[in-house]
PDB file of N, CA and C in Angstrom:
ATOM      1  N   MET A   1     156.337 -96.214 130.253  1.00  0.00           N
ATOM      2  CA  MET A   1     156.460 -96.151 131.593  1.00  0.00           C
ATOM      3  C   MET A   1     157.710 -96.579 132.677  1.00  0.00           C
ATOM      4  N   GLY A   2     157.727 -95.893 133.539  1.00  0.00           N
ATOM      5  CA  GLY A   2     158.764 -95.987 134.282  1.00  0.00           C
ATOM      6  C   GLY A   2     158.411 -96.884 135.431  1.00  0.00           C
ATOM      7  N   LYS A   3     159.208 -97.624 136.488  1.00  0.00           N
ATOM      8  CA  LYS A   3     158.618 -98.376 137.326  1.00  0.00           C
ATOM      9  C   LYS A   3     159.458 -97.533 138.948  1.00  0.00           C
ATOM     10  N   LYS A   4     158.407 -97.564 139.769  1.00  0.00           N
ATOM     11  CA  LYS A   4     158.728 -96.904 141.101  1.00  0.00           C
ATOM     12  C   LYS A   4     159.097 -97.945 142.153  1.00  0.00           C
ATOM     13  N   LEU A   5     159.938 -97.530 142.612  1.00  0.00           N
ATOM     14  CA  LEU A   5     160.830 -98.409 144.108  1.00  0.00           C
ATOM     15  C   LEU A   5     160.368 -97.755 145.155  1.00  0.00           C
ATOM     16  N   TYR A   6     160.280 -98.406 146.137  1.00  0.00           N
ATOM     17  CA  TYR A   6     160.153 -98.175 148.026  1.00  0.00           C
ATOM     18  C   TYR A   6     161.647 -98.534 148.140  1.00  0.00           C
ATOM     19  N   VAL A   7     161.882 -97.457 148.913  1.00  0.00           N
ATOM     20  CA  VAL A   7     163.403 -97.197 149.279  1.00  0.00           C
ATOM     21  C   VAL A   7     163.321 -97.081 151.031  1.00  0.00           C
ATOM     22  N   GLY A   8     163.078 -97.832 151.905  1.00  0.00           N
ATOM     23  CA  GLY A   8     163.065 -97.795 153.115  1.00  0.00           C
ATOM     24  C   GLY A   8     164.463 -97.977 154.322  1.00  0.00           C
ATOM     25  N   ASN A   9     163.980 -97.614 155.183  1.00  0.00           N
ATOM     26  CA  ASN A   9     165.265 -97.775 156.248  1.00  0.00           C
ATOM     27  C   ASN A   9     166.464 -96.363 156.035  1.00  0.00           C
ATOM     28  N   LEU A  10     165.906 -95.164 155.389  1.00  0.00           N
ATOM     29  CA  LEU A  10     166.614 -94.183 154.794  1.00  0.00           C
ATOM     30  C   LEU A  10     167.055 -93.560 156.346  1.00  0.00           C
ATOM     31  N   SER A  11     168.442 -93.152 156.611  1.00  0.00           N
ATOM     32  CA  SER A  11     168.929 -92.027 157.416  1.00  0.00           C
ATOM     33  C   SER A  11     168.110 -90.930 157.432  1.00  0.00           C
ATOM     34  N   PHE A  12     168.209 -90.465 158.309  1.00  0.00           N
ATOM     35  CA  PHE A  12     167.271 -88.860 158.248  1.00  0.00           C
ATOM     36  C   PHE A  12     168.361 -87.732 157.690  1.00  0.00           C
ATOM     37  N   ASN A  13     169.681 -88.051 157.038  1.00  0.00           N
ATOM     38  CA  ASN A  13     170.579 -87.177 156.909  1.00  0.00           C
ATOM     39  C   ASN A  13     170.558 -87.625 155.276  1.00  0.00           C
ATOM     40  N   THR A  14     170.057 -88.237 154.699  1.00  0.00           N
ATOM     41  CA  THR A  14     170.203 -88.775 153.436  1.00  0.00           C
ATOM     42  C   THR A  14     169.317 -87.795 152.649  1.00  0.00           C
ATOM     43  N   THR A  15     169.932 -87.517 151.440  1.00  0.00           N
ATOM     44  CA  THR A  15     168.861 -86.371 150.699  1.00  0.00           C
ATOM     45  C   THR A  15     168.484 -86.990 149.420  1.00  0.00           C
ATOM     46  N   GLU A  16     167.712 -86.226 148.810  1.00  0.00           N
ATOM     47  CA  GLU A  16     167.158 -86.726 147.344  1.00  0.00           C
ATOM     48  C   GLU A  16     168.499 -86.709 146.388  1.00  0.00           C
ATOM     49  N   GLU A  17     169.156 -85.978 146.797  1.00  0.00           N
ATOM     50  CA  GLU A  17     170.332 -85.870 145.641  1.00  0.00           C
ATOM     51  C   GLU A  17     171.201 -87.045 145.736  1.00  0.00           C
ATOM     52  N   SER A  18     171.671 -87.469 147.130  1.00  0.00           N
ATOM     53  CA  SER A  18     172.099 -88.993 147.550  1.00  0.00           C
ATOM     54  C   SER A  18     171.454 -90.373 147.082  1.00  0.00           C
ATOM     55  N   LEU A  19     170.422 -90.071 147.216  1.00  0.00           N
ATOM     56  CA  LEU A  19     169.311 -91.149 146.562  1.00  0.00           C
ATOM     57  C   LEU A  19     169.844 -91.377 145.235  1.00  0.00           C
ATOM     58  N   ARG A  20     169.446 -90.580 144.398  1.00  0.00           N
ATOM     59  CA  ARG A  20     169.379 -90.356 143.123  1.00  0.00           C
ATOM     60  C   ARG A  20     170.904 -90.711 142.541  1.00  0.00           C
ATOM     61  N   ASN A  21     172.041 -90.086 143.434  1.00  0.00           N
ATOM     62  CA  ASN A  21     173.395 -90.706 142.736  1.00  0.00           C
ATOM     63  C   ASN A  21     173.434 -92.103 143.502  1.00  0.00           C
ATOM     64  N   LEU A  22     172.661 -92.563 144.129  1.00  0.00           N
ATOM     65  CA  LEU A  22     172.816 -94.111 144.314  1.00  0.00           C
ATOM     66  C   LEU A  22     172.299 -95.021 143.263  1.00  0.00           C
ATOM     67  N   PHE A  23     171.169 -94.557 142.639  1.00  0.00           N
ATOM     68  CA  PHE A  23     170.424 -95.269 141.988  1.00  0.00           C
ATOM     69  C   PHE A  23     170.797 -95.019 140.385  1.00  0.00           C
ATOM     70  N   GLN A  24     171.407 -94.129 140.092  1.00  0.00           N
ATOM     71  CA  GLN A  24     172.276 -93.825 138.775  1.00  0.00           C
ATOM     72  C   GLN A  24     172.845 -94.713 138.088  1.00  0.00           C
ATOM     73  N   PRO A  25     173.690 -95.512 138.778  1.00  0.00           N
ATOM     74  CA  PRO A  25     174.456 -96.339 138.082  1.00  0.00           C
ATOM     75  C   PRO A  25     173.713 -97.511 137.466  1.00  0.00           C
ATOM     76  N   TYR A  26     172.468 -97.662 137.759  1.00  0.00           N
ATOM     77  CA  TYR A  26     171.638 -99.052 137.178  1.00  0.00           C
ATOM     78  C   TYR A  26     170.397 -98.452 135.850  1.00  0.00           C
ATOM     79  N   GLY A  27     170.636 -97.000 135.684  1.00  0.00           N
ATOM     80  CA  GLY A  27     169.640 -96.965 134.555  1.00  0.00           C
ATOM     81  C   GLY A  27     169.210 -95.096 135.025  1.00  0.00           C
ATOM     82  N   THR A  28     168.487 -94.757 134.069  1.00  0.00           N
ATOM     83  CA  THR A  28     167.793 -93.598 134.166  1.00  0.00           C
ATOM     84  C   THR A  28     167.058 -93.405 135.555  1.00  0.00           C
ATOM     85  N   VAL A  29     167.395 -92.520 136.150  1.00  0.00           N
ATOM     86  CA  VAL A  29     166.502 -92.435 137.592  1.00  0.00           C
ATOM     87  C   VAL A  29     165.252 -91.188 137.073  1.00  0.00           C
ATOM     88  N   VAL A  30     164.694 -91.284 136.889  1.00  0.00           N
ATOM     89  CA  VAL A  30     163.427 -90.290 136.639  1.00  0.00           C
ATOM     90  C   VAL A  30     162.634 -89.435 137.644  1.00  0.00           C
ATOM     91  N   SER A  31     163.050 -89.917 139.004  1.00  0.00           N
ATOM     92  CA  SER A  31     162.471 -88.890 140.517  1.00  0.00           C
ATOM     93  C   SER A  31     162.997 -90.044 141.609  1.00  0.00           C
ATOM     94  N   ALA A  32     163.753 -89.056 142.217  1.00  0.00           N
ATOM     95  CA  ALA A  32     163.986 -89.440 143.590  1.00  0.00           C
ATOM     96  C   ALA A  32     163.264 -88.475 144.343  1.00  0.00           C
ATOM     97  N   GLN A  33     162.829 -89.038 145.386  1.00  0.00           N
ATOM     98  CA  GLN A  33     161.818 -88.235 146.486  1.00  0.00           C
ATOM     99  C   GLN A  33     161.886 -89.300 147.979  1.00  0.00           C
ATOM    100  N   ILE A  34     162.316 -88.252 148.884  1.00  0.00           N
ATOM    101  CA  ILE A  34     162.259 -88.682 150.340  1.00  0.00           C
ATOM    102  C   ILE A  34     161.068 -88.203 150.842  1.00  0.00           C
ATOM    103  N   VAL A  35     159.988 -89.008 151.608  1.00  0.00           N
ATOM    104  CA  VAL A  35     158.947 -88.451 152.037  1.00  0.00           C
ATOM    105  C   VAL A  35     159.284 -87.945 153.536  1.00  0.00           C
ATOM    106  N   THR A  36     158.518 -86.493 153.430  1.00  0.00           N
ATOM    107  CA  THR A  36     158.860 -85.706 154.762  1.00  0.00           C
ATOM    108  C   THR A  36     157.390 -85.580 155.822  1.00  0.00           C
ATOM    109  N   ASP A  37     157.727 -85.284 157.102  1.00  0.00           N
ATOM    110  CA  ASP A  37     156.744 -85.077 157.913  1.00  0.00           C
ATOM    111  C   ASP A  37     155.992 -83.842 157.251  1.00  0.00           C
ATOM    112  N   ARG A  38     154.583 -83.793 157.347  1.00  0.00           N
ATOM    113  CA  ARG A  38     154.063 -82.373 156.904  1.00  0.00           C
ATOM    114  C   ARG A  38     154.109 -81.271 157.687  1.00  0.00           C
ATOM    115  N   TYR A  39     154.211 -81.677 159.231  1.00  0.00           N
ATOM    116  CA  TYR A  39     154.627 -80.864 160.298  1.00  0.00           C
ATOM    117  C   TYR A  39     155.998 -80.241 160.446  1.00  0.00           C
ATOM    118  N   THR A  40     156.833 -81.005 160.778  1.00  0.00           N
ATOM    119  CA  THR A  40     158.234 -80.581 160.837  1.00  0.00           C
ATOM    120  C   THR A  40     159.359 -80.828 159.600  1.00  0.00           C
ATOM    121  N   GLY A  41     158.782 -81.036 158.594  1.00  0.00           N
ATOM    122  CA  GLY A  41     159.653 -81.246 157.669  1.00  0.00           C
ATOM    123  C   GLY A  41     160.587 -82.031 157.342  1.00  0.00           C
ATOM    124  N   ASN A  42     160.980 -83.056 158.692  1.00  0.00           N
ATOM    125  CA  ASN A  42     162.018 -84.000 158.971  1.00  0.00           C
ATOM    126  C   ASN A  42     161.428 -85.240 157.818  1.00  0.00           C
ATOM    127  N   SER A  43     162.541 -85.914 157.326  1.00  0.00           N
ATOM    128  CA  SER A  43     162.607 -86.954 156.926  1.00  0.00           C
ATOM    129  C   SER A  43     161.599 -88.270 157.695  1.00  0.00           C
ATOM    130  N   ARG A  44     161.025 -88.771 156.994  1.00  0.00           N
ATOM    131  CA  ARG A  44     160.113 -89.929 158.013  1.00  0.00           C
ATOM    132  C   ARG A  44     160.833 -91.537 157.599  1.00  0.00           C
ATOM    133  N   GLY A  45     162.022 -91.080 157.014  1.00  0.00           N
ATOM    134  CA  GLY A  45     162.814 -92.374 157.023  1.00  0.00           C
ATOM    135  C   GLY A  45     162.488 -93.426 155.865  1.00  0.00           C
ATOM    136  N   PHE A  46     161.675 -93.039 154.674  1.00  0.00           N
ATOM    137  CA  PHE A  46     161.614 -93.931 153.570  1.00  0.00           C
ATOM    138  C   PHE A  46     161.474 -92.805 152.220  1.00  0.00           C
ATOM    139  N   GLY A  47     161.228 -93.455 151.109  1.00  0.00           N
ATOM    140  CA  GLY A  47     161.317 -92.612 149.982  1.00  0.00           C
ATOM    141  C   GLY A  47     161.130 -93.768 148.685  1.00  0.00           C
ATOM    142  N   PHE A  48     161.002 -92.731 147.690  1.00  0.00           N
ATOM    143  CA  PHE A  48     160.653 -93.598 146.367  1.00  0.00           C
ATOM    144  C   PHE A  48     161.453 -92.991 145.398  1.00  0.00           C
ATOM    145  N   VAL A  49     162.078 -94.118 144.448  1.00  0.00           N
ATOM    146  CA  VAL A  49     162.864 -93.610 143.465  1.00  0.00           C
ATOM    147  C   VAL A  49     162.046 -94.315 142.175  1.00  0.00           C
ATOM    148  N   GLU A  50     161.851 -93.600 141.020  1.00  0.00           N
ATOM    149  CA  GLU A  50     161.390 -93.993 139.686  1.00  0.00           C
ATOM    150  C   GLU A  50     162.486 -94.025 138.585  1.00  0.00           C
ATOM    151  N   MET A  51     162.562 -95.334 138.316  1.00  0.00           N
ATOM    152  CA  MET A  51     163.540 -95.734 137.311  1.00  0.00           C
ATOM    153  C   MET A  51     162.652 -95.960 135.818  1.00  0.00           C
ATOM    154  N   SER A  52     163.771 -95.312 134.752  1.00  0.00           N
ATOM    155  CA  SER A  52     162.755 -95.440 133.594  1.00  0.00           C
ATOM    156  C   SER A  52     162.245 -96.807 132.918  1.00  0.00           C
ATOM    157  N   SER A  53     162.507 -97.769 133.287  1.00  0.00           N
ATOM    158  CA  SER A  53     162.253 -98.872 132.668  1.00  0.00           C
ATOM    159  C   SER A  53     162.057-100.130 134.026  1.00  0.00           C
ATOM    160  N   ASP A  54     161.517-101.158 133.554  1.00  0.00           N
ATOM    161  CA  ASP A  54     160.990-102.493 134.538  1.00  0.00           C
ATOM    162  C   ASP A  54     162.853-103.071 134.645  1.00  0.00           C
ATOM    163  N   ASP A  55     163.352-102.920 133.476  1.00  0.00           N
ATOM    164  CA  ASP A  55     164.900-103.693 133.601  1.00  0.00           C
ATOM    165  C   ASP A  55     165.734-103.181 134.274  1.00  0.00           C
ATOM    166  N   GLU A  56     165.440-101.779 134.422  1.00  0.00           N
ATOM    167  CA  GLU A  56     166.630-100.801 135.316  1.00  0.00           C
ATOM    168  C   GLU A  56     166.081-101.033 136.459  1.00  0.00           C
ATOM    169  N   ALA A  57     164.746-100.937 136.953  1.00  0.00           N
ATOM    170  CA  ALA A  57     164.164-101.227 138.272  1.00  0.00           C
ATOM    171  C   ALA A  57     164.644-102.403 139.031  1.00  0.00           C
ATOM    172  N   THR A  58     164.297-103.743 138.035  1.00  0.00           N
ATOM    173  CA  THR A  58     165.295-104.962 138.698  1.00  0.00           C
ATOM    174  C   THR A  58     166.887-104.614 138.669  1.00  0.00           C
ATOM    175  N   LYS A  59     167.358-104.207 137.956  1.00  0.00           N
ATOM    176  CA  LYS A  59     168.853-104.100 138.290  1.00  0.00           C
ATOM    177  C   LYS A  59     168.990-103.273 139.740  1.00  0.00           C
ATOM    178  N   ALA A  60     168.209-102.233 139.602  1.00  0.00           N
ATOM    179  CA  ALA A  60     168.613-101.234 141.018  1.00  0.00           C
ATOM    180  C   ALA A  60     168.024-101.956 142.069  1.00  0.00           C
ATOM    181  N   ILE A  61     167.313-102.633 142.008  1.00  0.00           N
ATOM    182  CA  ILE A  61     166.945-103.640 143.358  1.00  0.00           C
ATOM    183  C   ILE A  61     167.805-104.503 143.926  1.00  0.00           C
ATOM    184  N   ALA A  62     168.384-105.209 142.802  1.00  0.00           N
ATOM    185  CA  ALA A  62     169.347-106.094 143.315  1.00  0.00           C
ATOM    186  C   ALA A  62     170.533-105.452 143.530  1.00  0.00           C
ATOM    187  N   GLY A  63     171.185-104.649 143.092  1.00  0.00           N
ATOM    188  CA  GLY A  63     171.990-103.860 143.323  1.00  0.00           C
ATOM    189  C   GLY A  63     172.058-103.027 144.627  1.00  0.00           C
ATOM    190  N   THR A  64     171.103-102.490 145.038  1.00  0.00           N
ATOM    191  CA  THR A  64     170.923-101.500 146.138  1.00  0.00           C
ATOM    192  C   THR A  64     170.444-101.827 147.206  1.00  0.00           C
ATOM    193  N   ASN A  65     169.250-103.241 147.069  1.00  0.00           N
ATOM    194  CA  ASN A  65     168.658-103.821 148.541  1.00  0.00           C
ATOM    195  C   ASN A  65     169.892-104.171 149.419  1.00  0.00           C
ATOM    196  N   GLY A  66     169.886-103.504 150.710  1.00  0.00           N
ATOM    197  CA  GLY A  66     170.915-104.265 151.772  1.00  0.00           C
ATOM    198  C   GLY A  66     172.212-103.382 151.484  1.00  0.00           C
ATOM    199  N   THR A  67     172.539-102.287 150.535  1.00  0.00           N
ATOM    200  CA  THR A  67     173.544-101.549 150.538  1.00  0.00           C
ATOM    201  C   THR A  67     173.411-100.667 151.648  1.00  0.00           C
ATOM    202  N   GLU A  68     174.418-100.124 152.433  1.00  0.00           N
ATOM    203  CA  GLU A  68     174.555 -99.226 153.426  1.00  0.00           C
ATOM    204  C   GLU A  68     174.694 -97.900 152.905  1.00  0.00           C
ATOM    205  N   ILE A  69     173.790 -96.801 153.258  1.00  0.00           N
ATOM    206  CA  ILE A  69     174.272 -95.266 152.894  1.00  0.00           C
ATOM    207  C   ILE A  69     173.903 -94.670 154.263  1.00  0.00           C
ATOM    208  N   ASP A  70     174.695 -93.636 154.574  1.00  0.00           N
ATOM    209  CA  ASP A  70     174.701 -92.919 155.573  1.00  0.00           C
ATOM    210  C   ASP A  70     174.228 -93.813 156.830  1.00  0.00           C
ATOM    211  N   GLY A  71     175.086 -94.897 157.010  1.00  0.00           N
ATOM    212  CA  GLY A  71     174.878 -95.832 157.909  1.00  0.00           C
ATOM    213  C   GLY A  71     173.764 -96.746 158.324  1.00  0.00           C
ATOM    214  N   ARG A  72     173.118 -96.724 157.187  1.00  0.00           N
ATOM    215  CA  ARG A  72     171.928 -97.452 157.249  1.00  0.00           C
ATOM    216  C   ARG A  72     171.754 -98.614 156.085  1.00  0.00           C
ATOM    217  N   ALA A  73     171.328 -99.811 156.331  1.00  0.00           N
ATOM    218  CA  ALA A  73     171.120-100.885 155.531  1.00  0.00           C
ATOM    219  C   ALA A  73     169.603-100.531 154.599  1.00  0.00           C
ATOM    220  N   LEU A  74     169.815-100.307 153.683  1.00  0.00           N
ATOM    221  CA  LEU A  74     168.575-100.124 152.862  1.00  0.00           C
ATOM    222  C   LEU A  74     167.694-101.125 152.286  1.00  0.00           C
ATOM    223  N   LYS A  75     166.223-100.987 152.475  1.00  0.00           N
ATOM    224  CA  LYS A  75     165.372-101.983 151.938  1.00  0.00           C
ATOM    225  C   LYS A  75     164.635-101.517 150.700  1.00  0.00           C
ATOM    226  N   VAL A  76     165.173-102.177 149.686  1.00  0.00           N
ATOM    227  CA  VAL A  76     164.346-101.646 148.383  1.00  0.00           C
ATOM    228  C   VAL A  76     163.641-102.714 147.623  1.00  0.00           C
ATOM    229  N   ASN A  77     162.398-102.182 147.197  1.00  0.00           N
ATOM    230  CA  ASN A  77     161.622-103.087 146.680  1.00  0.00           C
ATOM    231  C   ASN A  77     160.762-102.557 145.642  1.00  0.00           C
ATOM    232  N   GLU A  78     159.964-103.193 144.864  1.00  0.00           N
ATOM    233  CA  GLU A  78     158.548-102.684 144.131  1.00  0.00           C
ATOM    234  C   GLU A  78     157.848-102.179 144.921  1.00  0.00           C
ATOM    235  N   ALA A  79     157.297-100.372 144.360  1.00  0.00           N
ATOM    236  CA  ALA A  79     156.396 -99.869 145.180  1.00  0.00           C
ATOM    237  C   ALA A  79     155.001-100.530 144.739  1.00  0.00           C
ATOM    238  N   MET A  80     154.280-100.496 145.978  1.00  0.00           N
ATOM    239  CA  MET A  80     152.960-100.857 145.768  1.00  0.00           C
ATOM    240  C   MET A  80     151.889 -99.591 145.556  1.00  0.00           C
ATOM    241  N   ASP A  81     151.009 -99.870 144.354  1.00  0.00           N
ATOM    242  CA  ASP A  81     150.310 -98.896 144.151  1.00  0.00           C
ATOM    243  C   ASP A  81     149.110 -98.498 145.112  1.00  0.00           C
ATOM    244  N   LYS A  82     148.822 -97.233 145.428  1.00  0.00           N
ATOM    245  CA  LYS A  82     147.720 -97.125 146.737  1.00  0.00           C
ATOM    246  C   LYS A  82     146.652 -98.061 146.709  1.00  0.00           C
ATOM    247  N   THR A  83     145.906 -98.546 145.763  1.00  0.00           N
ATOM    248  CA  THR A  83     144.862 -99.396 145.895  1.00  0.00           C
ATOM    249  C   THR A  83     145.331-100.868 146.326  1.00  0.00           C
ATOM    250  N   ARG A  84     146.453-101.247 145.984  1.00  0.00           N
ATOM    251  CA  ARG A  84     146.999-102.533 146.549  1.00  0.00           C
ATOM    252  C   ARG A  84     147.331-102.669 147.931  1.00  0.00           C
ATOM    253  N   ARG A  85     147.903-101.285 148.193  1.00  0.00           N
ATOM    254  CA  ARG A  85     148.622-101.276 149.273  1.00  0.00           C
ATOM    255  C   ARG A  85     147.128-101.031 150.673  1.00  0.00           C
ATOM    256  N   SER A  86     146.033-100.227 150.177  1.00  0.00           N
ATOM    257  CA  SER A  86     145.123-100.098 151.156  1.00  0.00           C
ATOM    258  C   SER A  86     143.970-101.280 151.126  1.00  0.00           C
ATOM    259  N   ASN A  87     144.400-102.041 149.998  1.00  0.00           N
ATOM    260  CA  ASN A  87     143.430-103.248 150.264  1.00  0.00           C
ATOM    261  C   ASN A  87     144.179-104.249 151.265  1.00  0.00           C
ATOM    262  N   ASN A  88     145.394-104.338 151.938  1.00  0.00           N
ATOM    263  CA  ASN A  88     146.413-105.021 152.393  1.00  0.00           C
ATOM    264  C   ASN A  88     146.196-104.814 153.622  1.00  0.00           C
ATOM    265  N   ARG A  89     145.476-104.105 154.153  1.00  0.00           N
ATOM    266  CA  ARG A  89     145.284-103.479 155.473  1.00  0.00           C
ATOM    267  C   ARG A  89     144.515-104.575 156.131  1.00  0.00           C
ATOM    268  N   TYR A  90     144.514-104.819 157.720  1.00  0.00           N
ATOM    269  CA  TYR A  90     143.467-105.753 158.309  1.00  0.00           C
ATOM    270  C   TYR A  90     142.969-104.914 159.044  1.00  0.00           C
TER     271      TYR A  90
END
């Protein structure tokens, strides 16, 4: 099973294709998704990339975190699953 990565600080001009292309050198990209506002369809400035293995995900984080794409320095880390994320709310 793949490992899902959170990609934050995305430019509103970044496309899913350019996101996929950024991560491909680190392994097989299972999916690349930019989260959009349900009403306007505009990017919300973050997305998710799923790599095919933990090893590839580790390499992708090391290689892309802090990288500039479309003028923005990316924040890349392992995505939290929904139950972990909701339990961290204060």
